[in-house]
């Protein structure tokens, strides 16, 4: 899915980037639709998946243990 978005929705370019046949990209996109109920080939799907990937790519905050916490 990320490769499809990164390749500007060009399934052939995405296939080359992934080293697979373009039909494999189609099958994976169809499976994504089955699993999520969102079609990544639609405007709505592109927007929602793009937003999800943008959020996921943000650096995750580090959880630090307070200095006074005692670990046993």
C-alpha atoms as a PDB file:
ATOM      1  CA  UNK A   1       0.000   0.000   0.000  1.00  0.00           C
ATOM      2  CA  UNK A   2       2.770   2.429   0.902  1.00  0.00           C
ATOM      3  CA  UNK A   3       4.581   1.682  -2.370  1.00  0.00           C
ATOM      4  CA  UNK A   4       1.372   2.354  -4.308  1.00  0.00           C
ATOM      5  CA  UNK A   5       1.010   5.747  -2.632  1.00  0.00           C
ATOM      6  CA  UNK A   6       4.727   6.523  -2.953  1.00  0.00           C
ATOM      7  CA  UNK A   7       4.522   5.742  -6.688  1.00  0.00           C
ATOM      8  CA  UNK A   8       1.668   8.224  -7.161  1.00  0.00           C
ATOM      9  CA  UNK A   9      -0.946   5.450  -7.597  1.00  0.00           C
ATOM     10  CA  UNK A  10       0.922   3.972 -10.565  1.00  0.00           C
ATOM     11  CA  UNK A  11       0.546   0.214 -10.169  1.00  0.00           C
ATOM     12  CA  UNK A  12       3.304  -0.563 -12.683  1.00  0.00           C
ATOM     13  CA  UNK A  13       5.808   1.676 -10.900  1.00  0.00           C
ATOM     14  CA  UNK A  14       4.735   0.207  -7.559  1.00  0.00           C
ATOM     15  CA  UNK A  15       5.229  -3.291  -8.978  1.00  0.00           C
ATOM     16  CA  UNK A  16       8.747  -2.396 -10.147  1.00  0.00           C
ATOM     17  CA  UNK A  17       9.559  -0.873  -6.748  1.00  0.00           C
ATOM     18  CA  UNK A  18       8.346  -4.026  -4.992  1.00  0.00           C
ATOM     19  CA  UNK A  19       9.869  -6.435  -7.516  1.00  0.00           C
ATOM     20  CA  UNK A  20       6.505  -8.063  -8.285  1.00  0.00           C
ATOM     21  CA  UNK A  21       4.112  -8.352 -11.230  1.00  0.00           C
ATOM     22  CA  UNK A  22       1.543  -5.533 -11.616  1.00  0.00           C
ATOM     23  CA  UNK A  23      -1.246  -8.088 -11.102  1.00  0.00           C
ATOM     24  CA  UNK A  24       0.220  -8.796  -7.660  1.00  0.00           C
ATOM     25  CA  UNK A  25      -0.173  -5.118  -6.804  1.00  0.00           C
ATOM     26  CA  UNK A  26      -3.807  -5.312  -7.957  1.00  0.00           C
ATOM     27  CA  UNK A  27      -4.369  -8.399  -5.794  1.00  0.00           C
ATOM     28  CA  UNK A  28      -2.817  -6.724  -2.759  1.00  0.00           C
ATOM     29  CA  UNK A  29      -4.919  -3.603  -3.255  1.00  0.00           C
ATOM     30  CA  UNK A  30      -8.039  -5.764  -3.507  1.00  0.00           C
ATOM     31  CA  UNK A  31      -7.049  -7.575  -0.309  1.00  0.00           C
ATOM     32  CA  UNK A  32      -6.492  -4.220   1.410  1.00  0.00           C
ATOM     33  CA  UNK A  33     -10.033  -3.259   0.417  1.00  0.00           C
ATOM     34  CA  UNK A  34     -11.378  -6.550   1.814  1.00  0.00           C
ATOM     35  CA  UNK A  35      -9.573  -6.104   5.130  1.00  0.00           C
ATOM     36  CA  UNK A  36     -10.285  -2.414   5.693  1.00  0.00           C
ATOM     37  CA  UNK A  37     -13.447  -1.670   3.748  1.00  0.00           C
ATOM     38  CA  UNK A  38     -11.588   1.201   2.066  1.00  0.00           C
ATOM     39  CA  UNK A  39     -10.550   1.111  -1.565  1.00  0.00           C
ATOM     40  CA  UNK A  40      -7.075   2.651  -1.918  1.00  0.00           C
ATOM     41  CA  UNK A  41      -7.835   3.352  -5.588  1.00  0.00           C
ATOM     42  CA  UNK A  42     -10.525   5.926  -4.707  1.00  0.00           C
ATOM     43  CA  UNK A  43     -10.082   9.552  -3.682  1.00  0.00           C
ATOM     44  CA  UNK A  44     -11.437   8.832  -0.199  1.00  0.00           C
ATOM     45  CA  UNK A  45      -9.216   5.774   0.196  1.00  0.00           C
ATOM     46  CA  UNK A  46      -6.110   7.673  -0.919  1.00  0.00           C
ATOM     47  CA  UNK A  47      -6.846  10.449   1.557  1.00  0.00           C
ATOM     48  CA  UNK A  48      -7.467   8.143   4.507  1.00  0.00           C
ATOM     49  CA  UNK A  49      -4.554   5.803   3.812  1.00  0.00           C
ATOM     50  CA  UNK A  50      -2.270   8.771   3.140  1.00  0.00           C
ATOM     51  CA  UNK A  51      -3.266  10.331   6.474  1.00  0.00           C
ATOM     52  CA  UNK A  52      -2.740   7.029   8.285  1.00  0.00           C
ATOM     53  CA  UNK A  53       0.715   6.566   6.776  1.00  0.00           C
ATOM     54  CA  UNK A  54       1.668  10.176   7.551  1.00  0.00           C
ATOM     55  CA  UNK A  55       0.714   9.658  11.197  1.00  0.00           C
ATOM     56  CA  UNK A  56       2.518   6.305  11.321  1.00  0.00           C
ATOM     57  CA  UNK A  57       5.710   7.828   9.898  1.00  0.00           C
ATOM     58  CA  UNK A  58       5.901  10.437  12.678  1.00  0.00           C
ATOM     59  CA  UNK A  59       8.627   9.787  15.252  1.00  0.00           C
ATOM     60  CA  UNK A  60       7.245   7.984  18.269  1.00  0.00           C
ATOM     61  CA  UNK A  61       7.844   9.643  21.648  1.00  0.00           C
ATOM     62  CA  UNK A  62      10.218   7.785  23.917  1.00  0.00           C
ATOM     63  CA  UNK A  63       8.755   6.635  27.173  1.00  0.00           C
ATOM     64  CA  UNK A  64      11.191   7.323  29.946  1.00  0.00           C
ATOM     65  CA  UNK A  65      11.158   5.826  33.394  1.00  0.00           C
ATOM     66  CA  UNK A  66      11.127   8.513  36.088  1.00  0.00           C
ATOM     67  CA  UNK A  67      14.515   8.745  37.802  1.00  0.00           C
ATOM     68  CA  UNK A  68      12.977   8.124  41.192  1.00  0.00           C
ATOM     69  CA  UNK A  69      11.190   4.932  40.100  1.00  0.00           C
ATOM     70  CA  UNK A  70      12.606   1.806  41.646  1.00  0.00           C
ATOM     71  CA  UNK A  71      12.848  -1.177  39.296  1.00  0.00           C
ATOM     72  CA  UNK A  72      13.090  -4.586  40.920  1.00  0.00           C
END
